[in-house]
């Protein structure tokens, strides 16, 4: 009986030792199992997956973006009564520019306002023209006329800002001019003002452009 008790005590001590000091081979197997998923492949790494998504975003950033900015100058709602009921259409005038000397205007008409704006923007991008600038202002004084609207533009010093009305201001800002003084005479119709402003900007010429047109030297042009 005493021998059995001694054997039991020894067995309990062995069990304690095995619990306190786990087998190294078993732990290595567990670690190896953690590094693999249930299907036997490599362990799923979230960082790699999110890294792929970041690469996709970077690819999207590398794509050329449209630098043109658009601004709605006028929005008109036209309603027509017919036999079947009333038909409502929208007419939108939009100015488009990149603030680097390129600007254009366009008009769009549709029964939905958003579609009319999209049409106007597409039309304006087709009619983009390049404006001659000198620093932040215009190279010389000019004037434009459309219908009964007439606008006079004068160059200004740095820090003067844009002194112009709402419709003309949109064209001047999107053309990239930051210092200018203007005066509007006649009709204040927004469409006429925008077209008169664009006509005045298109008539601008730099000194280099005048030299090429006349085929003269710089001194001869300044003397004239």
C-alpha atoms as a PDB file:
ATOM      1  CA  UNK A   1       0.000   0.000   0.000  1.00  0.00           C
ATOM      2  CA  UNK A   2       2.811   2.343   0.838  1.00  0.00           C
ATOM      3  CA  UNK A   3       4.494   1.547  -2.463  1.00  0.00           C
ATOM      4  CA  UNK A   4       1.342   2.535  -4.356  1.00  0.00           C
ATOM      5  CA  UNK A   5       1.201   5.867  -2.500  1.00  0.00           C
ATOM      6  CA  UNK A   6       4.815   6.599  -3.345  1.00  0.00           C
ATOM      7  CA  UNK A   7       4.162   5.842  -7.001  1.00  0.00           C
ATOM      8  CA  UNK A   8       1.147   8.184  -6.973  1.00  0.00           C
ATOM      9  CA  UNK A   9       3.220  11.000  -5.507  1.00  0.00           C
ATOM     10  CA  UNK A  10       5.868  10.563  -8.136  1.00  0.00           C
ATOM     11  CA  UNK A  11       3.238  10.588 -10.860  1.00  0.00           C
ATOM     12  CA  UNK A  12       1.754  13.863  -9.541  1.00  0.00           C
ATOM     13  CA  UNK A  13       5.175  15.529  -9.517  1.00  0.00           C
ATOM     14  CA  UNK A  14       5.786  14.416 -13.098  1.00  0.00           C
ATOM     15  CA  UNK A  15       2.469  15.906 -14.148  1.00  0.00           C
ATOM     16  CA  UNK A  16       3.351  19.197 -12.475  1.00  0.00           C
ATOM     17  CA  UNK A  17       6.681  19.315 -14.253  1.00  0.00           C
ATOM     18  CA  UNK A  18       5.068  18.699 -17.636  1.00  0.00           C
ATOM     19  CA  UNK A  19       2.509  21.463 -17.001  1.00  0.00           C
ATOM     20  CA  UNK A  20       5.158  23.955 -15.806  1.00  0.00           C
ATOM     21  CA  UNK A  21       7.573  23.140 -18.639  1.00  0.00           C
ATOM     22  CA  UNK A  22       5.661  22.460 -21.858  1.00  0.00           C
ATOM     23  CA  UNK A  23       7.259  20.451 -24.559  1.00  0.00           C
ATOM     24  CA  UNK A  24       9.330  22.531 -26.939  1.00  0.00           C
ATOM     25  CA  UNK A  25       8.327  20.459 -29.928  1.00  0.00           C
ATOM     26  CA  UNK A  26       4.626  21.101 -29.291  1.00  0.00           C
ATOM     27  CA  UNK A  27       5.148  24.885 -29.044  1.00  0.00           C
ATOM     28  CA  UNK A  28       7.056  24.911 -32.333  1.00  0.00           C
ATOM     29  CA  UNK A  29       4.192  23.095 -34.008  1.00  0.00           C
ATOM     30  CA  UNK A  30       1.702  25.626 -32.647  1.00  0.00           C
ATOM     31  CA  UNK A  31       3.782  28.540 -33.941  1.00  0.00           C
ATOM     32  CA  UNK A  32       4.059  26.922 -37.333  1.00  0.00           C
ATOM     33  CA  UNK A  33       0.299  26.455 -37.422  1.00  0.00           C
ATOM     34  CA  UNK A  34      -0.245  30.158 -36.580  1.00  0.00           C
ATOM     35  CA  UNK A  35       1.827  31.221 -39.545  1.00  0.00           C
ATOM     36  CA  UNK A  36      -0.459  29.264 -41.863  1.00  0.00           C
ATOM     37  CA  UNK A  37      -4.171  29.460 -42.375  1.00  0.00           C
ATOM     38  CA  UNK A  38      -6.524  26.502 -42.336  1.00  0.00           C
ATOM     39  CA  UNK A  39      -6.209  25.983 -46.079  1.00  0.00           C
ATOM     40  CA  UNK A  40      -2.462  25.471 -45.793  1.00  0.00           C
ATOM     41  CA  UNK A  41      -1.459  28.738 -47.426  1.00  0.00           C
ATOM     42  CA  UNK A  42       0.424  31.695 -46.049  1.00  0.00           C
ATOM     43  CA  UNK A  43      -0.955  33.746 -43.196  1.00  0.00           C
ATOM     44  CA  UNK A  44      -3.227  36.644 -44.201  1.00  0.00           C
ATOM     45  CA  UNK A  45      -1.363  39.942 -43.944  1.00  0.00           C
ATOM     46  CA  UNK A  46      -3.576  43.015 -43.653  1.00  0.00           C
ATOM     47  CA  UNK A  47      -0.735  45.413 -44.320  1.00  0.00           C
ATOM     48  CA  UNK A  48      -0.080  43.904 -47.740  1.00  0.00           C
ATOM     49  CA  UNK A  49      -3.732  44.089 -48.671  1.00  0.00           C
ATOM     50  CA  UNK A  50      -4.070  47.683 -47.560  1.00  0.00           C
ATOM     51  CA  UNK A  51      -0.797  48.433 -49.314  1.00  0.00           C
ATOM     52  CA  UNK A  52      -2.366  47.279 -52.583  1.00  0.00           C
ATOM     53  CA  UNK A  53      -5.265  49.649 -52.027  1.00  0.00           C
ATOM     54  CA  UNK A  54      -2.865  52.493 -51.408  1.00  0.00           C
ATOM     55  CA  UNK A  55      -1.163  51.642 -54.709  1.00  0.00           C
ATOM     56  CA  UNK A  56      -4.499  51.924 -56.457  1.00  0.00           C
ATOM     57  CA  UNK A  57      -5.048  55.359 -54.955  1.00  0.00           C
ATOM     58  CA  UNK A  58      -1.605  56.408 -56.099  1.00  0.00           C
ATOM     59  CA  UNK A  59      -2.399  55.250 -59.624  1.00  0.00           C
ATOM     60  CA  UNK A  60      -5.578  57.331 -59.555  1.00  0.00           C
ATOM     61  CA  UNK A  61      -3.574  60.345 -58.402  1.00  0.00           C
ATOM     62  CA  UNK A  62      -1.178  59.942 -61.316  1.00  0.00           C
ATOM     63  CA  UNK A  63      -3.989  60.296 -63.832  1.00  0.00           C
ATOM     64  CA  UNK A  64      -4.172  63.733 -65.449  1.00  0.00           C
ATOM     65  CA  UNK A  65      -6.882  65.808 -63.837  1.00  0.00           C
ATOM     66  CA  UNK A  66      -8.935  68.524 -65.416  1.00  0.00           C
ATOM     67  CA  UNK A  67      -7.463  71.865 -64.335  1.00  0.00           C
ATOM     68  CA  UNK A  68     -10.417  73.855 -65.665  1.00  0.00           C
ATOM     69  CA  UNK A  69     -12.643  75.619 -63.167  1.00  0.00           C
ATOM     70  CA  UNK A  70     -16.224  76.494 -64.041  1.00  0.00           C
ATOM     71  CA  UNK A  71     -18.468  79.235 -62.768  1.00  0.00           C
ATOM     72  CA  UNK A  72     -22.161  79.776 -63.521  1.00  0.00           C
ATOM     73  CA  UNK A  73     -22.761  83.398 -64.513  1.00  0.00           C
ATOM     74  CA  UNK A  74     -26.491  83.345 -65.262  1.00  0.00           C
ATOM     75  CA  UNK A  75     -29.271  80.818 -64.865  1.00  0.00           C
ATOM     76  CA  UNK A  76     -32.670  81.398 -66.461  1.00  0.00           C
ATOM     77  CA  UNK A  77     -35.873  79.386 -66.103  1.00  0.00           C
ATOM     78  CA  UNK A  78     -38.127  79.471 -69.160  1.00  0.00           C
ATOM     79  CA  UNK A  79     -41.670  78.114 -69.035  1.00  0.00           C
ATOM     80  CA  UNK A  80     -43.774  77.522 -72.127  1.00  0.00           C
ATOM     81  CA  UNK A  81     -47.478  76.657 -72.155  1.00  0.00           C
ATOM     82  CA  UNK A  82     -48.573  74.146 -74.776  1.00  0.00           C
ATOM     83  CA  UNK A  83     -51.695  72.096 -75.360  1.00  0.00           C
ATOM     84  CA  UNK A  84     -50.425  69.157 -73.320  1.00  0.00           C
ATOM     85  CA  UNK A  85     -49.305  71.321 -70.398  1.00  0.00           C
ATOM     86  CA  UNK A  86     -46.388  73.491 -69.325  1.00  0.00           C
ATOM     87  CA  UNK A  87     -42.817  72.827 -70.473  1.00  0.00           C
ATOM     88  CA  UNK A  88     -40.032  74.159 -68.261  1.00  0.00           C
ATOM     89  CA  UNK A  89     -36.497  74.522 -69.612  1.00  0.00           C
ATOM     90  CA  UNK A  90     -33.324  76.001 -68.135  1.00  0.00           C
ATOM     91  CA  UNK A  91     -30.759  78.172 -69.893  1.00  0.00           C
ATOM     92  CA  UNK A  92     -27.338  78.421 -68.222  1.00  0.00           C
ATOM     93  CA  UNK A  93     -24.301  80.569 -69.084  1.00  0.00           C
ATOM     94  CA  UNK A  94     -20.986  79.216 -67.784  1.00  0.00           C
ATOM     95  CA  UNK A  95     -17.425  80.559 -67.787  1.00  0.00           C
ATOM     96  CA  UNK A  96     -14.542  78.058 -67.787  1.00  0.00           C
ATOM     97  CA  UNK A  97     -10.842  78.802 -67.191  1.00  0.00           C
ATOM     98  CA  UNK A  98      -7.619  77.445 -65.734  1.00  0.00           C
ATOM     99  CA  UNK A  99      -6.395  80.759 -64.208  1.00  0.00           C
ATOM    100  CA  UNK A 100      -3.311  80.530 -66.424  1.00  0.00           C
ATOM    101  CA  UNK A 101      -4.432  82.587 -69.404  1.00  0.00           C
ATOM    102  CA  UNK A 102      -7.045  80.235 -70.879  1.00  0.00           C
ATOM    103  CA  UNK A 103     -10.748  81.027 -70.652  1.00  0.00           C
ATOM    104  CA  UNK A 104     -13.960  80.292 -72.519  1.00  0.00           C
ATOM    105  CA  UNK A 105     -17.717  80.790 -72.280  1.00  0.00           C
ATOM    106  CA  UNK A 106     -20.585  78.496 -73.204  1.00  0.00           C
ATOM    107  CA  UNK A 107     -24.353  78.177 -72.977  1.00  0.00           C
ATOM    108  CA  UNK A 108     -26.455  75.093 -72.340  1.00  0.00           C
ATOM    109  CA  UNK A 109     -30.192  74.444 -72.471  1.00  0.00           C
ATOM    110  CA  UNK A 110     -32.130  71.498 -71.105  1.00  0.00           C
ATOM    111  CA  UNK A 111     -35.245  70.556 -69.171  1.00  0.00           C
ATOM    112  CA  UNK A 112     -33.051  69.604 -66.217  1.00  0.00           C
ATOM    113  CA  UNK A 113     -30.838  72.180 -64.557  1.00  0.00           C
ATOM    114  CA  UNK A 114     -27.863  69.884 -63.972  1.00  0.00           C
ATOM    115  CA  UNK A 115     -27.892  68.676 -67.562  1.00  0.00           C
ATOM    116  CA  UNK A 116     -27.997  72.288 -68.778  1.00  0.00           C
ATOM    117  CA  UNK A 117     -24.913  73.100 -66.681  1.00  0.00           C
ATOM    118  CA  UNK A 118     -23.043  70.080 -68.068  1.00  0.00           C
ATOM    119  CA  UNK A 119     -23.883  71.097 -71.631  1.00  0.00           C
ATOM    120  CA  UNK A 120     -22.701  74.643 -70.955  1.00  0.00           C
ATOM    121  CA  UNK A 121     -19.387  73.416 -69.523  1.00  0.00           C
ATOM    122  CA  UNK A 122     -18.761  71.152 -72.519  1.00  0.00           C
ATOM    123  CA  UNK A 123     -19.589  73.985 -74.900  1.00  0.00           C
ATOM    124  CA  UNK A 124     -17.316  76.394 -73.017  1.00  0.00           C
ATOM    125  CA  UNK A 125     -14.378  73.976 -73.183  1.00  0.00           C
ATOM    126  CA  UNK A 126     -14.753  73.849 -76.963  1.00  0.00           C
ATOM    127  CA  UNK A 127     -14.525  77.659 -77.178  1.00  0.00           C
ATOM    128  CA  UNK A 128     -11.426  78.215 -75.014  1.00  0.00           C
ATOM    129  CA  UNK A 129      -9.091  81.033 -76.067  1.00  0.00           C
ATOM    130  CA  UNK A 130      -5.666  82.095 -74.780  1.00  0.00           C
ATOM    131  CA  UNK A 131      -5.298  85.542 -73.196  1.00  0.00           C
ATOM    132  CA  UNK A 132      -2.082  87.595 -73.220  1.00  0.00           C
ATOM    133  CA  UNK A 133      -1.103  88.666 -69.704  1.00  0.00           C
ATOM    134  CA  UNK A 134       1.849  90.451 -68.140  1.00  0.00           C
ATOM    135  CA  UNK A 135       2.510  89.232 -64.629  1.00  0.00           C
ATOM    136  CA  UNK A 136      -0.683  89.614 -62.645  1.00  0.00           C
ATOM    137  CA  UNK A 137      -2.239  92.280 -64.867  1.00  0.00           C
ATOM    138  CA  UNK A 138      -2.811  93.054 -68.562  1.00  0.00           C
ATOM    139  CA  UNK A 139      -0.078  94.450 -70.828  1.00  0.00           C
ATOM    140  CA  UNK A 140      -2.001  97.575 -71.909  1.00  0.00           C
ATOM    141  CA  UNK A 141      -5.369  99.326 -71.758  1.00  0.00           C
ATOM    142  CA  UNK A 142      -8.137  97.896 -73.909  1.00  0.00           C
ATOM    143  CA  UNK A 143     -11.887  97.985 -74.405  1.00  0.00           C
ATOM    144  CA  UNK A 144     -14.539  95.591 -75.651  1.00  0.00           C
ATOM    145  CA  UNK A 145     -18.063  96.038 -76.917  1.00  0.00           C
ATOM    146  CA  UNK A 146     -20.932  93.662 -77.474  1.00  0.00           C
ATOM    147  CA  UNK A 147     -24.428  94.893 -78.158  1.00  0.00           C
ATOM    148  CA  UNK A 148     -25.048  97.926 -75.983  1.00  0.00           C
ATOM    149  CA  UNK A 149     -22.491  96.882 -73.345  1.00  0.00           C
ATOM    150  CA  UNK A 150     -19.025  98.441 -73.377  1.00  0.00           C
ATOM    151  CA  UNK A 151     -16.198  97.704 -70.951  1.00  0.00           C
ATOM    152  CA  UNK A 152     -12.900  99.547 -70.489  1.00  0.00           C
ATOM    153  CA  UNK A 153      -9.915  97.775 -68.916  1.00  0.00           C
ATOM    154  CA  UNK A 154      -6.811  99.399 -67.464  1.00  0.00           C
ATOM    155  CA  UNK A 155      -3.666  97.698 -66.089  1.00  0.00           C
ATOM    156  CA  UNK A 156      -3.023  98.034 -62.343  1.00  0.00           C
ATOM    157  CA  UNK A 157      -0.154  97.601 -59.903  1.00  0.00           C
ATOM    158  CA  UNK A 158       0.422  94.564 -57.718  1.00  0.00           C
ATOM    159  CA  UNK A 159      -2.009  94.450 -54.823  1.00  0.00           C
ATOM    160  CA  UNK A 160      -4.671  96.520 -56.539  1.00  0.00           C
ATOM    161  CA  UNK A 161      -7.012  93.572 -56.911  1.00  0.00           C
ATOM    162  CA  UNK A 162      -9.836  93.079 -59.387  1.00  0.00           C
ATOM    163  CA  UNK A 163     -12.160  96.055 -59.689  1.00  0.00           C
ATOM    164  CA  UNK A 164     -14.985  94.732 -61.832  1.00  0.00           C
ATOM    165  CA  UNK A 165     -18.642  93.694 -61.752  1.00  0.00           C
ATOM    166  CA  UNK A 166     -19.963  90.214 -61.139  1.00  0.00           C
ATOM    167  CA  UNK A 167     -20.207  88.923 -64.719  1.00  0.00           C
ATOM    168  CA  UNK A 168     -16.955  90.529 -65.889  1.00  0.00           C
ATOM    169  CA  UNK A 169     -15.199  89.525 -62.680  1.00  0.00           C
ATOM    170  CA  UNK A 170     -15.825  85.820 -63.331  1.00  0.00           C
ATOM    171  CA  UNK A 171     -14.125  85.982 -66.738  1.00  0.00           C
ATOM    172  CA  UNK A 172     -11.176  88.003 -65.424  1.00  0.00           C
ATOM    173  CA  UNK A 173     -10.548  85.740 -62.415  1.00  0.00           C
ATOM    174  CA  UNK A 174     -10.691  82.508 -64.409  1.00  0.00           C
ATOM    175  CA  UNK A 175      -8.328  84.037 -66.979  1.00  0.00           C
ATOM    176  CA  UNK A 176      -5.673  84.386 -64.250  1.00  0.00           C
ATOM    177  CA  UNK A 177      -5.656  88.196 -63.922  1.00  0.00           C
ATOM    178  CA  UNK A 178      -5.393  89.415 -60.312  1.00  0.00           C
ATOM    179  CA  UNK A 179      -4.793  93.166 -60.685  1.00  0.00           C
ATOM    180  CA  UNK A 180      -6.994  95.203 -63.032  1.00  0.00           C
ATOM    181  CA  UNK A 181      -9.384  98.156 -63.113  1.00  0.00           C
ATOM    182  CA  UNK A 182     -12.508  98.063 -65.276  1.00  0.00           C
ATOM    183  CA  UNK A 183     -15.484 100.289 -66.014  1.00  0.00           C
ATOM    184  CA  UNK A 184     -18.715  99.149 -67.631  1.00  0.00           C
ATOM    185  CA  UNK A 185     -20.892 101.435 -69.746  1.00  0.00           C
ATOM    186  CA  UNK A 186     -24.291 100.779 -71.249  1.00  0.00           C
ATOM    187  CA  UNK A 187     -26.356  97.659 -70.640  1.00  0.00           C
ATOM    188  CA  UNK A 188     -25.655  95.504 -67.593  1.00  0.00           C
ATOM    189  CA  UNK A 189     -26.977  92.339 -69.233  1.00  0.00           C
ATOM    190  CA  UNK A 190     -24.803  89.476 -67.964  1.00  0.00           C
ATOM    191  CA  UNK A 191     -24.414  87.747 -71.303  1.00  0.00           C
ATOM    192  CA  UNK A 192     -23.452  90.990 -73.052  1.00  0.00           C
ATOM    193  CA  UNK A 193     -20.998  91.871 -70.260  1.00  0.00           C
ATOM    194  CA  UNK A 194     -19.308  88.470 -70.441  1.00  0.00           C
ATOM    195  CA  UNK A 195     -18.942  88.599 -74.222  1.00  0.00           C
ATOM    196  CA  UNK A 196     -17.689  92.210 -74.145  1.00  0.00           C
ATOM    197  CA  UNK A 197     -15.124  91.260 -71.473  1.00  0.00           C
ATOM    198  CA  UNK A 198     -13.922  88.272 -73.474  1.00  0.00           C
ATOM    199  CA  UNK A 199     -13.643  90.405 -76.603  1.00  0.00           C
ATOM    200  CA  UNK A 200     -11.531  92.965 -74.747  1.00  0.00           C
ATOM    201  CA  UNK A 201      -9.234  90.254 -73.356  1.00  0.00           C
ATOM    202  CA  UNK A 202      -8.796  88.676 -76.777  1.00  0.00           C
ATOM    203  CA  UNK A 203      -7.593  91.997 -78.203  1.00  0.00           C
ATOM    204  CA  UNK A 204      -4.613  92.122 -75.813  1.00  0.00           C
ATOM    205  CA  UNK A 205      -1.126  91.772 -77.282  1.00  0.00           C
ATOM    206  CA  UNK A 206       2.237  91.503 -75.591  1.00  0.00           C
ATOM    207  CA  UNK A 207       5.370  93.262 -76.848  1.00  0.00           C
ATOM    208  CA  UNK A 208       6.781  90.033 -78.262  1.00  0.00           C
ATOM    209  CA  UNK A 209       3.577  89.336 -80.169  1.00  0.00           C
ATOM    210  CA  UNK A 210       3.624  92.835 -81.671  1.00  0.00           C
ATOM    211  CA  UNK A 211       7.255  92.365 -82.756  1.00  0.00           C
ATOM    212  CA  UNK A 212       6.386  89.161 -84.563  1.00  0.00           C
ATOM    213  CA  UNK A 213       3.373  90.754 -86.271  1.00  0.00           C
ATOM    214  CA  UNK A 214       5.301  93.821 -87.461  1.00  0.00           C
ATOM    215  CA  UNK A 215       8.608  92.093 -88.068  1.00  0.00           C
ATOM    216  CA  UNK A 216      10.530  94.834 -86.239  1.00  0.00           C
ATOM    217  CA  UNK A 217      13.040  95.059 -83.435  1.00  0.00           C
ATOM    218  CA  UNK A 218      12.065  95.763 -79.834  1.00  0.00           C
ATOM    219  CA  UNK A 219      13.485  99.342 -79.923  1.00  0.00           C
ATOM    220  CA  UNK A 220      11.524 100.186 -83.066  1.00  0.00           C
ATOM    221  CA  UNK A 221       8.301  98.916 -81.531  1.00  0.00           C
ATOM    222  CA  UNK A 222       8.815 100.886 -78.296  1.00  0.00           C
ATOM    223  CA  UNK A 223       9.624 104.009 -80.318  1.00  0.00           C
ATOM    224  CA  UNK A 224       6.388 103.741 -82.226  1.00  0.00           C
END
